[in-house]
Amino acid sequence: DWAQADGCHILTLIDKDYPEQLKTIIDPPPILYVRGDVACLSKPQLAIVGSRNPSVGGKQHAYDFAQLLAHLDIVVISGMASGIDASAHIGALEANAQTIAVCGTGLDRIYPAKHKALAHQIS
């Protein structure tokens, strides 16, 4: 049922949209559940991850760095956690760029729950 919803995709290692670089790691995930634009998985990407309790300056640096990457057409990837991760996603979104949230809980549950609006903006 989930895959029938608008913007929801299930990708396996044999799908043409499965990210080529992800296939090269030792143990690539056999299935990706994707909500949003599958094409952004093939664009140049850089992960920004960090403390859940960063300094004000740390959060600003993550935001600024994400904005710079966005202007270079690089997709920011993070985990949607509080702190650095959220700041990076917000920086990319506010630059009108795509960002990818890697969710350890699955797409049926947003964690942390306070990032529900952020999750919807990302997707």
PDB file of N, CA and C in Angstrom:
ATOM      1  N   ASP A   1       0.820  -1.201   0.000  1.00  0.00           N
ATOM      2  CA  ASP A   1       0.000   0.000   0.000  1.00  0.00           C
ATOM      3  C   ASP A   1       0.863   1.263   0.000  1.00  0.00           C
ATOM      4  N   TRP A   2       1.936   1.240   0.798  1.00  0.00           N
ATOM      5  CA  TRP A   2       2.801   2.416   0.901  1.00  0.00           C
ATOM      6  C   TRP A   2       3.343   2.797  -0.469  1.00  0.00           C
ATOM      7  N   ALA A   3       3.804   1.836  -1.235  1.00  0.00           N
ATOM      8  CA  ALA A   3       4.427   2.102  -2.538  1.00  0.00           C
ATOM      9  C   ALA A   3       3.441   2.664  -3.556  1.00  0.00           C
ATOM     10  N   GLN A   4       2.159   2.529  -3.303  1.00  0.00           N
ATOM     11  CA  GLN A   4       1.151   3.055  -4.219  1.00  0.00           C
ATOM     12  C   GLN A   4       0.903   4.549  -4.020  1.00  0.00           C
ATOM     13  N   ALA A   5       1.363   5.088  -2.906  1.00  0.00           N
ATOM     14  CA  ALA A   5       1.165   6.511  -2.622  1.00  0.00           C
ATOM     15  C   ALA A   5       2.059   7.362  -3.529  1.00  0.00           C
ATOM     16  N   ASP A   6       1.618   8.573  -3.784  1.00  0.00           N
ATOM     17  CA  ASP A   6       2.356   9.500  -4.641  1.00  0.00           C
ATOM     18  C   ASP A   6       3.743   9.781  -4.077  1.00  0.00           C
ATOM     19  N   GLY A   7       4.762   9.646  -4.907  1.00  0.00           N
ATOM     20  CA  GLY A   7       6.130   9.954  -4.508  1.00  0.00           C
ATOM     21  C   GLY A   7       6.824   8.873  -3.710  1.00  0.00           C
ATOM     22  N   CYS A   8       6.221   7.698  -3.568  1.00  0.00           N
ATOM     23  CA  CYS A   8       6.822   6.610  -2.805  1.00  0.00           C
ATOM     24  C   CYS A   8       7.374   5.554  -3.759  1.00  0.00           C
ATOM     25  N   HIS A   9       8.595   5.109  -3.496  1.00  0.00           N
ATOM     26  CA  HIS A   9       9.274   4.174  -4.388  1.00  0.00           C
ATOM     27  C   HIS A   9       9.991   3.107  -3.575  1.00  0.00           C
ATOM     28  N   ILE A  10      10.017   1.901  -4.098  1.00  0.00           N
ATOM     29  CA  ILE A  10      10.812   0.825  -3.524  1.00  0.00           C
ATOM     30  C   ILE A  10      11.833   0.442  -4.575  1.00  0.00           C
ATOM     31  N   LEU A  11      13.118   0.576  -4.226  1.00  0.00           N
ATOM     32  CA  LEU A  11      14.195   0.272  -5.166  1.00  0.00           C
ATOM     33  C   LEU A  11      14.993  -0.932  -4.668  1.00  0.00           C
ATOM     34  N   THR A  12      15.357  -1.802  -5.595  1.00  0.00           N
ATOM     35  CA  THR A  12      16.229  -2.921  -5.272  1.00  0.00           C
ATOM     36  C   THR A  12      17.536  -2.744  -6.036  1.00  0.00           C
ATOM     37  N   LEU A  13      18.506  -3.576  -5.719  1.00  0.00           N
ATOM     38  CA  LEU A  13      19.815  -3.492  -6.357  1.00  0.00           C
ATOM     39  C   LEU A  13      19.752  -3.591  -7.879  1.00  0.00           C
ATOM     40  N   ILE A  14      18.718  -4.179  -8.427  1.00  0.00           N
ATOM     41  CA  ILE A  14      18.636  -4.343  -9.882  1.00  0.00           C
ATOM     42  C   ILE A  14      17.865  -3.219 -10.574  1.00  0.00           C
ATOM     43  N   ASP A  15      17.290  -2.305  -9.804  1.00  0.00           N
ATOM     44  CA  ASP A  15      16.560  -1.183 -10.401  1.00  0.00           C
ATOM     45  C   ASP A  15      17.526  -0.160 -10.987  1.00  0.00           C
ATOM     46  N   LYS A  16      17.149   0.424 -12.117  1.00  0.00           N
ATOM     47  CA  LYS A  16      17.999   1.422 -12.782  1.00  0.00           C
ATOM     48  C   LYS A  16      18.183   2.670 -11.912  1.00  0.00           C
ATOM     49  N   ASP A  17      17.245   2.969 -11.032  1.00  0.00           N
ATOM     50  CA  ASP A  17      17.339   4.155 -10.181  1.00  0.00           C
ATOM     51  C   ASP A  17      18.104   3.927  -8.890  1.00  0.00           C
ATOM     52  N   TYR A  18      18.516   2.687  -8.607  1.00  0.00           N
ATOM     53  CA  TYR A  18      19.308   2.416  -7.408  1.00  0.00           C
ATOM     54  C   TYR A  18      20.653   3.121  -7.572  1.00  0.00           C
ATOM     55  N   PRO A  19      21.106   3.882  -6.583  1.00  0.00           N
ATOM     56  CA  PRO A  19      22.346   4.662  -6.728  1.00  0.00           C
ATOM     57  C   PRO A  19      23.575   3.782  -7.012  1.00  0.00           C
ATOM     58  N   GLU A  20      24.261   4.086  -8.106  1.00  0.00           N
ATOM     59  CA  GLU A  20      25.431   3.303  -8.520  1.00  0.00           C
ATOM     60  C   GLU A  20      26.516   3.286  -7.447  1.00  0.00           C
ATOM     61  N   GLN A  21      26.776   4.430  -6.823  1.00  0.00           N
ATOM     62  CA  GLN A  21      27.839   4.474  -5.810  1.00  0.00           C
ATOM     63  C   GLN A  21      27.500   3.622  -4.592  1.00  0.00           C
ATOM     64  N   LEU A  22      26.224   3.543  -4.251  1.00  0.00           N
ATOM     65  CA  LEU A  22      25.817   2.744  -3.105  1.00  0.00           C
ATOM     66  C   LEU A  22      26.035   1.251  -3.387  1.00  0.00           C
ATOM     67  N   LYS A  23      25.927   0.857  -4.643  1.00  0.00           N
ATOM     68  CA  LYS A  23      26.166  -0.540  -5.013  1.00  0.00           C
ATOM     69  C   LYS A  23      27.610  -0.961  -4.770  1.00  0.00           C
ATOM     70  N   THR A  24      28.525  -0.002  -4.704  1.00  0.00           N
ATOM     71  CA  THR A  24      29.948  -0.330  -4.596  1.00  0.00           C
ATOM     72  C   THR A  24      30.415  -0.595  -3.170  1.00  0.00           C
ATOM     73  N   ILE A  25      29.591  -0.326  -2.159  1.00  0.00           N
ATOM     74  CA  ILE A  25      30.025  -0.595  -0.787  1.00  0.00           C
ATOM     75  C   ILE A  25      29.970  -2.101  -0.526  1.00  0.00           C
ATOM     76  N   ILE A  26      30.629  -2.532   0.513  1.00  0.00           N
ATOM     77  CA  ILE A  26      30.751  -3.965   0.795  1.00  0.00           C
ATOM     78  C   ILE A  26      29.392  -4.650   0.950  1.00  0.00           C
ATOM     79  N   ASP A  27      28.482  -4.017   1.647  1.00  0.00           N
ATOM     80  CA  ASP A  27      27.185  -4.647   1.917  1.00  0.00           C
ATOM     81  C   ASP A  27      26.060  -3.641   1.650  1.00  0.00           C
ATOM     82  N   PRO A  28      25.774  -3.364   0.367  1.00  0.00           N
ATOM     83  CA  PRO A  28      24.735  -2.362   0.074  1.00  0.00           C
ATOM     84  C   PRO A  28      23.360  -2.847   0.531  1.00  0.00           C
ATOM     85  N   PRO A  29      22.537  -1.926   0.962  1.00  0.00           N
ATOM     86  CA  PRO A  29      21.185  -2.334   1.359  1.00  0.00           C
ATOM     87  C   PRO A  29      20.441  -2.906   0.152  1.00  0.00           C
ATOM     88  N   PRO A  30      19.823  -4.074   0.294  1.00  0.00           N
ATOM     89  CA  PRO A  30      19.145  -4.698  -0.847  1.00  0.00           C
ATOM     90  C   PRO A  30      17.881  -3.954  -1.279  1.00  0.00           C
ATOM     91  N   ILE A  31      17.299  -3.203  -0.363  1.00  0.00           N
ATOM     92  CA  ILE A  31      16.063  -2.473  -0.660  1.00  0.00           C
ATOM     93  C   ILE A  31      16.169  -1.058  -0.102  1.00  0.00           C
ATOM     94  N   LEU A  32      15.770  -0.087  -0.911  1.00  0.00           N
ATOM     95  CA  LEU A  32      15.659   1.298  -0.450  1.00  0.00           C
ATOM     96  C   LEU A  32      14.197   1.709  -0.549  1.00  0.00           C
ATOM     97  N   TYR A  33      13.692   2.294   0.509  1.00  0.00           N
ATOM     98  CA  TYR A  33      12.359   2.878   0.505  1.00  0.00           C
ATOM     99  C   TYR A  33      12.569   4.373   0.360  1.00  0.00           C
ATOM    100  N   VAL A  34      12.072   4.929  -0.728  1.00  0.00           N
ATOM    101  CA  VAL A  34      12.346   6.321  -1.063  1.00  0.00           C
ATOM    102  C   VAL A  34      11.039   7.095  -1.152  1.00  0.00           C
ATOM    103  N   ARG A  35      11.010   8.235  -0.483  1.00  0.00           N
ATOM    104  CA  ARG A  35       9.879   9.151  -0.615  1.00  0.00           C
ATOM    105  C   ARG A  35      10.432  10.432  -1.208  1.00  0.00           C
ATOM    106  N   GLY A  36       9.887  10.832  -2.363  1.00  0.00           N
ATOM    107  CA  GLY A  36      10.341  12.050  -3.017  1.00  0.00           C
ATOM    108  C   GLY A  36      10.931  11.756  -4.381  1.00  0.00           C
ATOM    109  N   ASP A  37      11.830  12.618  -4.808  1.00  0.00           N
ATOM    110  CA  ASP A  37      12.431  12.565  -6.137  1.00  0.00           C
ATOM    111  C   ASP A  37      13.579  11.565  -6.185  1.00  0.00           C
ATOM    112  N   VAL A  38      13.362  10.436  -6.834  1.00  0.00           N
ATOM    113  CA  VAL A  38      14.374   9.388  -6.943  1.00  0.00           C
ATOM    114  C   VAL A  38      15.608   9.892  -7.687  1.00  0.00           C
ATOM    115  N   ALA A  39      15.443  10.823  -8.605  1.00  0.00           N
ATOM    116  CA  ALA A  39      16.569  11.318  -9.409  1.00  0.00           C
ATOM    117  C   ALA A  39      17.662  11.954  -8.560  1.00  0.00           C
ATOM    118  N   CYS A  40      17.329  12.500  -7.400  1.00  0.00           N
ATOM    119  CA  CYS A  40      18.360  13.145  -6.572  1.00  0.00           C
ATOM    120  C   CYS A  40      19.347  12.123  -6.012  1.00  0.00           C
ATOM    121  N   LEU A  41      18.999  10.841  -6.036  1.00  0.00           N
ATOM    122  CA  LEU A  41      19.918   9.808  -5.560  1.00  0.00           C
ATOM    123  C   LEU A  41      21.130   9.643  -6.472  1.00  0.00           C
ATOM    124  N   SER A  42      21.017  10.129  -7.697  1.00  0.00           N
ATOM    125  CA  SER A  42      22.109   9.989  -8.662  1.00  0.00           C
ATOM    126  C   SER A  42      22.944  11.257  -8.806  1.00  0.00           C
ATOM    127  N   LYS A  43      22.579  12.307  -8.104  1.00  0.00           N
ATOM    128  CA  LYS A  43      23.329  13.565  -8.175  1.00  0.00           C
ATOM    129  C   LYS A  43      24.532  13.515  -7.235  1.00  0.00           C
ATOM    130  N   PRO A  44      25.511  14.398  -7.435  1.00  0.00           N
ATOM    131  CA  PRO A  44      26.627  14.480  -6.480  1.00  0.00           C
ATOM    132  C   PRO A  44      26.098  14.801  -5.085  1.00  0.00           C
ATOM    133  N   GLN A  45      26.657  14.120  -4.093  1.00  0.00           N
ATOM    134  CA  GLN A  45      26.151  14.232  -2.724  1.00  0.00           C
ATOM    135  C   GLN A  45      27.291  14.342  -1.733  1.00  0.00           C
ATOM    136  N   LEU A  46      26.981  14.959  -0.583  1.00  0.00           N
ATOM    137  CA  LEU A  46      27.929  15.016   0.520  1.00  0.00           C
ATOM    138  C   LEU A  46      27.139  14.931   1.820  1.00  0.00           C
ATOM    139  N   ALA A  47      27.594  14.089   2.729  1.00  0.00           N
ATOM    140  CA  ALA A  47      26.912  13.940   4.013  1.00  0.00           C
ATOM    141  C   ALA A  47      27.444  14.946   5.028  1.00  0.00           C
ATOM    142  N   ILE A  48      26.529  15.500   5.792  1.00  0.00           N
ATOM    143  CA  ILE A  48      26.870  16.364   6.930  1.00  0.00           C
ATOM    144  C   ILE A  48      26.181  15.756   8.140  1.00  0.00           C
ATOM    145  N   VAL A  49      26.960  15.267   9.066  1.00  0.00           N
ATOM    146  CA  VAL A  49      26.412  14.680  10.291  1.00  0.00           C
ATOM    147  C   VAL A  49      27.220  15.194  11.480  1.00  0.00           C
ATOM    148  N   GLY A  50      26.600  15.182  12.632  1.00  0.00           N
ATOM    149  CA  GLY A  50      27.336  15.671  13.787  1.00  0.00           C
ATOM    150  C   GLY A  50      26.541  15.563  15.074  1.00  0.00           C
ATOM    151  N   SER A  51      26.957  16.324  16.035  1.00  0.00           N
ATOM    152  CA  SER A  51      26.410  16.283  17.379  1.00  0.00           C
ATOM    153  C   SER A  51      24.923  16.618  17.412  1.00  0.00           C
ATOM    154  N   ARG A  52      24.232  15.957  18.329  1.00  0.00           N
ATOM    155  CA  ARG A  52      22.828  16.300  18.563  1.00  0.00           C
ATOM    156  C   ARG A  52      22.713  17.474  19.523  1.00  0.00           C
ATOM    157  N   ASN A  53      23.824  17.829  20.142  1.00  0.00           N
ATOM    158  CA  ASN A  53      23.863  18.959  21.078  1.00  0.00           C
ATOM    159  C   ASN A  53      25.016  19.885  20.718  1.00  0.00           C
ATOM    160  N   PRO A  54      24.982  20.466  19.518  1.00  0.00           N
ATOM    161  CA  PRO A  54      26.096  21.308  19.086  1.00  0.00           C
ATOM    162  C   PRO A  54      26.024  22.703  19.689  1.00  0.00           C
ATOM    163  N   SER A  55      27.117  23.401  19.543  1.00  0.00           N
ATOM    164  CA  SER A  55      27.134  24.806  19.928  1.00  0.00           C
ATOM    165  C   SER A  55      26.317  25.592  18.898  1.00  0.00           C
ATOM    166  N   VAL A  56      25.983  26.816  19.233  1.00  0.00           N
ATOM    167  CA  VAL A  56      25.278  27.689  18.301  1.00  0.00           C
ATOM    168  C   VAL A  56      26.119  27.860  17.039  1.00  0.00           C
ATOM    169  N   GLY A  57      27.422  28.029  17.222  1.00  0.00           N
ATOM    170  CA  GLY A  57      28.327  28.183  16.086  1.00  0.00           C
ATOM    171  C   GLY A  57      28.385  26.931  15.229  1.00  0.00           C
ATOM    172  N   GLY A  58      28.361  25.769  15.858  1.00  0.00           N
ATOM    173  CA  GLY A  58      28.367  24.509  15.119  1.00  0.00           C
ATOM    174  C   GLY A  58      27.136  24.364  14.234  1.00  0.00           C
ATOM    175  N   LYS A  59      25.982  24.703  14.791  1.00  0.00           N
ATOM    176  CA  LYS A  59      24.743  24.650  14.001  1.00  0.00           C
ATOM    177  C   LYS A  59      24.811  25.619  12.827  1.00  0.00           C
ATOM    178  N   GLN A  60      25.356  26.809  13.076  1.00  0.00           N
ATOM    179  CA  GLN A  60      25.465  27.808  12.006  1.00  0.00           C
ATOM    180  C   GLN A  60      26.416  27.330  10.909  1.00  0.00           C
ATOM    181  N   HIS A  61      27.513  26.712  11.304  1.00  0.00           N
ATOM    182  CA  HIS A  61      28.465  26.189  10.314  1.00  0.00           C
ATOM    183  C   HIS A  61      27.809  25.108   9.441  1.00  0.00           C
ATOM    184  N   ALA A  62      27.045  24.209  10.057  1.00  0.00           N
ATOM    185  CA  ALA A  62      26.360  23.154   9.296  1.00  0.00           C
ATOM    186  C   ALA A  62      25.371  23.772   8.308  1.00  0.00           C
ATOM    187  N   TYR A  63      24.611  24.749   8.774  1.00  0.00           N
ATOM    188  CA  TYR A  63      23.645  25.450   7.926  1.00  0.00           C
ATOM    189  C   TYR A  63      24.363  26.142   6.760  1.00  0.00           C
ATOM    190  N   ASP A  64      25.419  26.895   7.064  1.00  0.00           N
ATOM    191  CA  ASP A  64      26.153  27.635   6.031  1.00  0.00           C
ATOM    192  C   ASP A  64      26.809  26.698   5.023  1.00  0.00           C
ATOM    193  N   PHE A  65      27.397  25.619   5.510  1.00  0.00           N
ATOM    194  CA  PHE A  65      28.058  24.670   4.627  1.00  0.00           C
ATOM    195  C   PHE A  65      27.031  24.022   3.694  1.00  0.00           C
ATOM    196  N   ALA A  66      25.854  23.673   4.222  1.00  0.00           N
ATOM    197  CA  ALA A  66      24.795  23.088   3.403  1.00  0.00           C
ATOM    198  C   ALA A  66      24.327  24.078   2.335  1.00  0.00           C
ATOM    199  N   GLN A  67      24.224  25.332   2.698  1.00  0.00           N
ATOM    200  CA  GLN A  67      23.825  26.357   1.728  1.00  0.00           C
ATOM    201  C   GLN A  67      24.851  26.455   0.597  1.00  0.00           C
ATOM    202  N   LEU A  68      26.128  26.461   0.950  1.00  0.00           N
ATOM    203  CA  LEU A  68      27.195  26.523  -0.049  1.00  0.00           C
ATOM    204  C   LEU A  68      27.136  25.311  -0.974  1.00  0.00           C
ATOM    205  N   LEU A  69      26.991  24.123  -0.402  1.00  0.00           N
ATOM    206  CA  LEU A  69      26.896  22.912  -1.213  1.00  0.00           C
ATOM    207  C   LEU A  69      25.684  22.962  -2.140  1.00  0.00           C
ATOM    208  N   ALA A  70      24.583  23.457  -1.630  1.00  0.00           N
ATOM    209  CA  ALA A  70      23.362  23.564  -2.425  1.00  0.00           C
ATOM    210  C   ALA A  70      23.578  24.458  -3.641  1.00  0.00           C
ATOM    211  N   HIS A  71      24.292  25.558  -3.455  1.00  0.00           N
ATOM    212  CA  HIS A  71      24.561  26.470  -4.570  1.00  0.00           C
ATOM    213  C   HIS A  71      25.514  25.856  -5.592  1.00  0.00           C
ATOM    214  N   LEU A  72      26.232  24.803  -5.184  1.00  0.00           N
ATOM    215  CA  LEU A  72      27.117  24.080  -6.100  1.00  0.00           C
ATOM    216  C   LEU A  72      26.409  22.859  -6.701  1.00  0.00           C
ATOM    217  N   ASP A  73      25.095  22.750  -6.459  1.00  0.00           N
ATOM    218  CA  ASP A  73      24.262  21.649  -6.943  1.00  0.00           C
ATOM    219  C   ASP A  73      24.701  20.295  -6.378  1.00  0.00           C
ATOM    220  N   ILE A  74      25.126  20.314  -5.112  1.00  0.00           N
ATOM    221  CA  ILE A  74      25.478  19.091  -4.403  1.00  0.00           C
ATOM    222  C   ILE A  74      24.367  18.812  -3.393  1.00  0.00           C
ATOM    223  N   VAL A  75      23.848  17.591  -3.428  1.00  0.00           N
ATOM    224  CA  VAL A  75      22.765  17.192  -2.538  1.00  0.00           C
ATOM    225  C   VAL A  75      23.342  16.887  -1.150  1.00  0.00           C
ATOM    226  N   VAL A  76      22.758  17.477  -0.124  1.00  0.00           N
ATOM    227  CA  VAL A  76      23.187  17.254   1.257  1.00  0.00           C
ATOM    228  C   VAL A  76      22.428  16.049   1.810  1.00  0.00           C
ATOM    229  N   ILE A  77      23.191  15.134   2.417  1.00  0.00           N
ATOM    230  CA  ILE A  77      22.603  13.957   3.052  1.00  0.00           C
ATOM    231  C   ILE A  77      22.874  14.042   4.540  1.00  0.00           C
ATOM    232  N   SER A  78      21.870  13.703   5.342  1.00  0.00           N
ATOM    233  CA  SER A  78      22.060  13.620   6.777  1.00  0.00           C
ATOM    234  C   SER A  78      20.999  12.691   7.352  1.00  0.00           C
ATOM    235  N   GLY A  79      20.942  12.613   8.672  1.00  0.00           N
ATOM    236  CA  GLY A  79      20.054  11.668   9.322  1.00  0.00           C
ATOM    237  C   GLY A  79      18.826  12.244   9.975  1.00  0.00           C
ATOM    238  N   MET A  80      18.576  13.524   9.789  1.00  0.00           N
ATOM    239  CA  MET A  80      17.409  14.221  10.319  1.00  0.00           C
ATOM    240  C   MET A  80      17.376  14.263  11.853  1.00  0.00           C
ATOM    241  N   ALA A  81      18.492  13.952  12.490  1.00  0.00           N
ATOM    242  CA  ALA A  81      18.563  14.033  13.948  1.00  0.00           C
ATOM    243  C   ALA A  81      18.576  15.500  14.379  1.00  0.00           C
ATOM    244  N   SER A  82      18.351  15.716  15.645  1.00  0.00           N
ATOM    245  CA  SER A  82      18.438  17.070  16.194  1.00  0.00           C
ATOM    246  C   SER A  82      19.872  17.565  16.075  1.00  0.00           C
ATOM    247  N   GLY A  83      20.049  18.863  16.035  1.00  0.00           N
ATOM    248  CA  GLY A  83      21.383  19.449  16.028  1.00  0.00           C
ATOM    249  C   GLY A  83      21.944  19.665  14.644  1.00  0.00           C
ATOM    250  N   ILE A  84      23.161  19.159  14.411  1.00  0.00           N
ATOM    251  CA  ILE A  84      23.873  19.381  13.153  1.00  0.00           C
ATOM    252  C   ILE A  84      23.081  18.854  11.963  1.00  0.00           C
ATOM    253  N   ASP A  85      22.525  17.651  12.083  1.00  0.00           N
ATOM    254  CA  ASP A  85      21.786  17.048  10.970  1.00  0.00           C
ATOM    255  C   ASP A  85      20.637  17.952  10.520  1.00  0.00           C
ATOM    256  N   ALA A  86      19.813  18.362  11.460  1.00  0.00           N
ATOM    257  CA  ALA A  86      18.665  19.210  11.121  1.00  0.00           C
ATOM    258  C   ALA A  86      19.125  20.534  10.523  1.00  0.00           C
ATOM    259  N   SER A  87      20.170  21.117  11.075  1.00  0.00           N
ATOM    260  CA  SER A  87      20.676  22.390  10.549  1.00  0.00           C
ATOM    261  C   SER A  87      21.133  22.238   9.099  1.00  0.00           C
ATOM    262  N   ALA A  88      21.762  21.112   8.779  1.00  0.00           N
ATOM    263  CA  ALA A  88      22.209  20.864   7.412  1.00  0.00           C
ATOM    264  C   ALA A  88      21.014  20.724   6.465  1.00  0.00           C
ATOM    265  N   HIS A  89      20.017  19.964   6.861  1.00  0.00           N
ATOM    266  CA  HIS A  89      18.824  19.823   6.021  1.00  0.00           C
ATOM    267  C   HIS A  89      18.143  21.173   5.798  1.00  0.00           C
ATOM    268  N   ILE A  90      18.004  21.947   6.858  1.00  0.00           N
ATOM    269  CA  ILE A  90      17.345  23.256   6.761  1.00  0.00           C
ATOM    270  C   ILE A  90      18.141  24.191   5.863  1.00  0.00           C
ATOM    271  N   GLY A  91      19.462  24.177   5.977  1.00  0.00           N
ATOM    272  CA  GLY A  91      20.297  25.013   5.114  1.00  0.00           C
ATOM    273  C   GLY A  91      20.078  24.687   3.646  1.00  0.00           C
ATOM    274  N   ALA A  92      20.028  23.407   3.322  1.00  0.00           N
ATOM    275  CA  ALA A  92      19.801  22.999   1.932  1.00  0.00           C
ATOM    276  C   ALA A  92      18.407  23.408   1.461  1.00  0.00           C
ATOM    277  N   LEU A  93      17.413  23.147   2.288  1.00  0.00           N
ATOM    278  CA  LEU A  93      16.036  23.478   1.903  1.00  0.00           C
ATOM    279  C   LEU A  93      15.849  24.979   1.701  1.00  0.00           C
ATOM    280  N   GLU A  94      16.445  25.774   2.555  1.00  0.00           N
ATOM    281  CA  GLU A  94      16.301  27.223   2.439  1.00  0.00           C
ATOM    282  C   GLU A  94      17.070  27.788   1.251  1.00  0.00           C
ATOM    283  N   ALA A  95      17.941  26.967   0.667  1.00  0.00           N
ATOM    284  CA  ALA A  95      18.633  27.352  -0.574  1.00  0.00           C
ATOM    285  C   ALA A  95      17.881  26.783  -1.787  1.00  0.00           C
ATOM    286  N   ASN A  96      16.669  26.289  -1.533  1.00  0.00           N
ATOM    287  CA  ASN A  96      15.828  25.680  -2.574  1.00  0.00           C
ATOM    288  C   ASN A  96      16.512  24.509  -3.255  1.00  0.00           C
ATOM    289  N   ALA A  97      17.229  23.716  -2.471  1.00  0.00           N
ATOM    290  CA  ALA A  97      17.945  22.560  -2.993  1.00  0.00           C
ATOM    291  C   ALA A  97      17.368  21.273  -2.411  1.00  0.00           C
ATOM    292  N   GLN A  98      17.769  20.179  -3.018  1.00  0.00           N
ATOM    293  CA  GLN A  98      17.338  18.885  -2.519  1.00  0.00           C
ATOM    294  C   GLN A  98      18.252  18.434  -1.383  1.00  0.00           C
ATOM    295  N   THR A  99      17.687  17.664  -0.479  1.00  0.00           N
ATOM    296  CA  THR A  99      18.437  17.070   0.612  1.00  0.00           C
ATOM    297  C   THR A  99      17.857  15.686   0.862  1.00  0.00           C
ATOM    298  N   ILE A 100      18.686  14.762   1.292  1.00  0.00           N
ATOM    299  CA  ILE A 100      18.262  13.387   1.543  1.00  0.00           C
ATOM    300  C   ILE A 100      18.394  13.107   3.029  1.00  0.00           C
ATOM    301  N   ALA A 101      17.317  12.582   3.616  1.00  0.00           N
ATOM    302  CA  ALA A 101      17.346  12.153   5.013  1.00  0.00           C
ATOM    303  C   ALA A 101      17.395  10.633   5.042  1.00  0.00           C
ATOM    304  N   VAL A 102      18.435  10.088   5.649  1.00  0.00           N
ATOM    305  CA  VAL A 102      18.550   8.645   5.819  1.00  0.00           C
ATOM    306  C   VAL A 102      17.891   8.329   7.161  1.00  0.00           C
ATOM    307  N   CYS A 103      16.835   7.552   7.106  1.00  0.00           N
ATOM    308  CA  CYS A 103      16.031   7.290   8.304  1.00  0.00           C
ATOM    309  C   CYS A 103      16.233   5.861   8.791  1.00  0.00           C
ATOM    310  N   GLY A 104      16.718   5.715   9.996  1.00  0.00           N
ATOM    311  CA  GLY A 104      16.946   4.395  10.566  1.00  0.00           C
ATOM    312  C   GLY A 104      15.686   3.720  11.062  1.00  0.00           C
ATOM    313  N   THR A 105      14.613   4.470  11.224  1.00  0.00           N
ATOM    314  CA  THR A 105      13.382   3.905  11.764  1.00  0.00           C
ATOM    315  C   THR A 105      12.418   3.452  10.682  1.00  0.00           C
ATOM    316  N   GLY A 106      12.706   3.706   9.438  1.00  0.00           N
ATOM    317  CA  GLY A 106      11.747   3.437   8.375  1.00  0.00           C
ATOM    318  C   GLY A 106      10.931   4.678   8.103  1.00  0.00           C
ATOM    319  N   LEU A 107      10.228   4.689   6.995  1.00  0.00           N
ATOM    320  CA  LEU A 107       9.499   5.892   6.597  1.00  0.00           C
ATOM    321  C   LEU A 107       8.105   5.995   7.197  1.00  0.00           C
ATOM    322  N   ASP A 108       7.700   4.995   7.954  1.00  0.00           N
ATOM    323  CA  ASP A 108       6.386   5.046   8.590  1.00  0.00           C
ATOM    324  C   ASP A 108       6.421   5.734   9.950  1.00  0.00           C
ATOM    325  N   ARG A 109       7.639   6.055  10.425  1.00  0.00           N
ATOM    326  CA  ARG A 109       7.782   6.700  11.731  1.00  0.00           C
ATOM    327  C   ARG A 109       8.875   7.763  11.649  1.00  0.00           C
ATOM    328  N   ILE A 110       8.534   8.976  12.014  1.00  0.00           N
ATOM    329  CA  ILE A 110       9.504  10.069  11.965  1.00  0.00           C
ATOM    330  C   ILE A 110      10.162  10.194  13.337  1.00  0.00           C
ATOM    331  N   TYR A 111      11.502  10.181  13.312  1.00  0.00           N
ATOM    332  CA  TYR A 111      12.256  10.321  14.548  1.00  0.00           C
ATOM    333  C   TYR A 111      13.376  11.327  14.333  1.00  0.00           C
ATOM    334  N   PRO A 112      13.496  12.291  15.211  1.00  0.00           N
ATOM    335  CA  PRO A 112      12.598  12.585  16.331  1.00  0.00           C
ATOM    336  C   PRO A 112      11.264  13.153  15.838  1.00  0.00           C
ATOM    337  N   ALA A 113      10.229  12.889  16.599  1.00  0.00           N
ATOM    338  CA  ALA A 113       8.874  13.290  16.214  1.00  0.00           C
ATOM    339  C   ALA A 113       8.752  14.798  15.984  1.00  0.00           C
ATOM    340  N   LYS A 114       9.579  15.579  16.681  1.00  0.00           N
ATOM    341  CA  LYS A 114       9.515  17.037  16.515  1.00  0.00           C
ATOM    342  C   LYS A 114       9.947  17.473  15.112  1.00  0.00           C
ATOM    343  N   HIS A 115      10.517  16.562  14.329  1.00  0.00           N
ATOM    344  CA  HIS A 115      10.956  16.892  12.966  1.00  0.00           C
ATOM    345  C   HIS A 115       9.956  16.457  11.898  1.00  0.00           C
ATOM    346  N   LYS A 116       8.709  16.294  12.292  1.00  0.00           N
ATOM    347  CA  LYS A 116       7.671  15.889  11.336  1.00  0.00           C
ATOM    348  C   LYS A 116       7.557  16.892  10.188  1.00  0.00           C
ATOM    349  N   ALA A 117       7.505  18.164  10.506  1.00  0.00           N
ATOM    350  CA  ALA A 117       7.410  19.195   9.441  1.00  0.00           C
ATOM    351  C   ALA A 117       8.656  19.182   8.573  1.00  0.00           C
ATOM    352  N   LEU A 118       9.831  19.016   9.164  1.00  0.00           N
ATOM    353  CA  LEU A 118      11.073  18.943   8.403  1.00  0.00           C
ATOM    354  C   LEU A 118      11.058  17.744   7.455  1.00  0.00           C
ATOM    355  N   ALA A 119      10.602  16.616   7.930  1.00  0.00           N
ATOM    356  CA  ALA A 119      10.519  15.409   7.093  1.00  0.00           C
ATOM    357  C   ALA A 119       9.621  15.651   5.889  1.00  0.00           C
ATOM    358  N   HIS A 120       8.510  16.317   6.092  1.00  0.00           N
ATOM    359  CA  HIS A 120       7.594  16.607   4.978  1.00  0.00           C
ATOM    360  C   HIS A 120       8.217  17.593   3.995  1.00  0.00           C
ATOM    361  N   GLN A 121       8.970  18.567   4.488  1.00  0.00           N
ATOM    362  CA  GLN A 121       9.653  19.494   3.588  1.00  0.00           C
ATOM    363  C   GLN A 121      10.691  18.763   2.743  1.00  0.00           C
ATOM    364  N   ILE A 122      11.417  17.851   3.349  1.00  0.00           N
ATOM    365  CA  ILE A 122      12.439  17.106   2.633  1.00  0.00           C
ATOM    366  C   ILE A 122      11.820  16.250   1.543  1.00  0.00           C
ATOM    367  N   SER A 123      10.744  15.555   1.867  1.00  0.00           N
ATOM    368  CA  SER A 123      10.147  14.666   0.860  1.00  0.00           C
ATOM    369  C   SER A 123       9.346  15.431  -0.157  1.00  0.00           C
TER     370      SER A 123
END
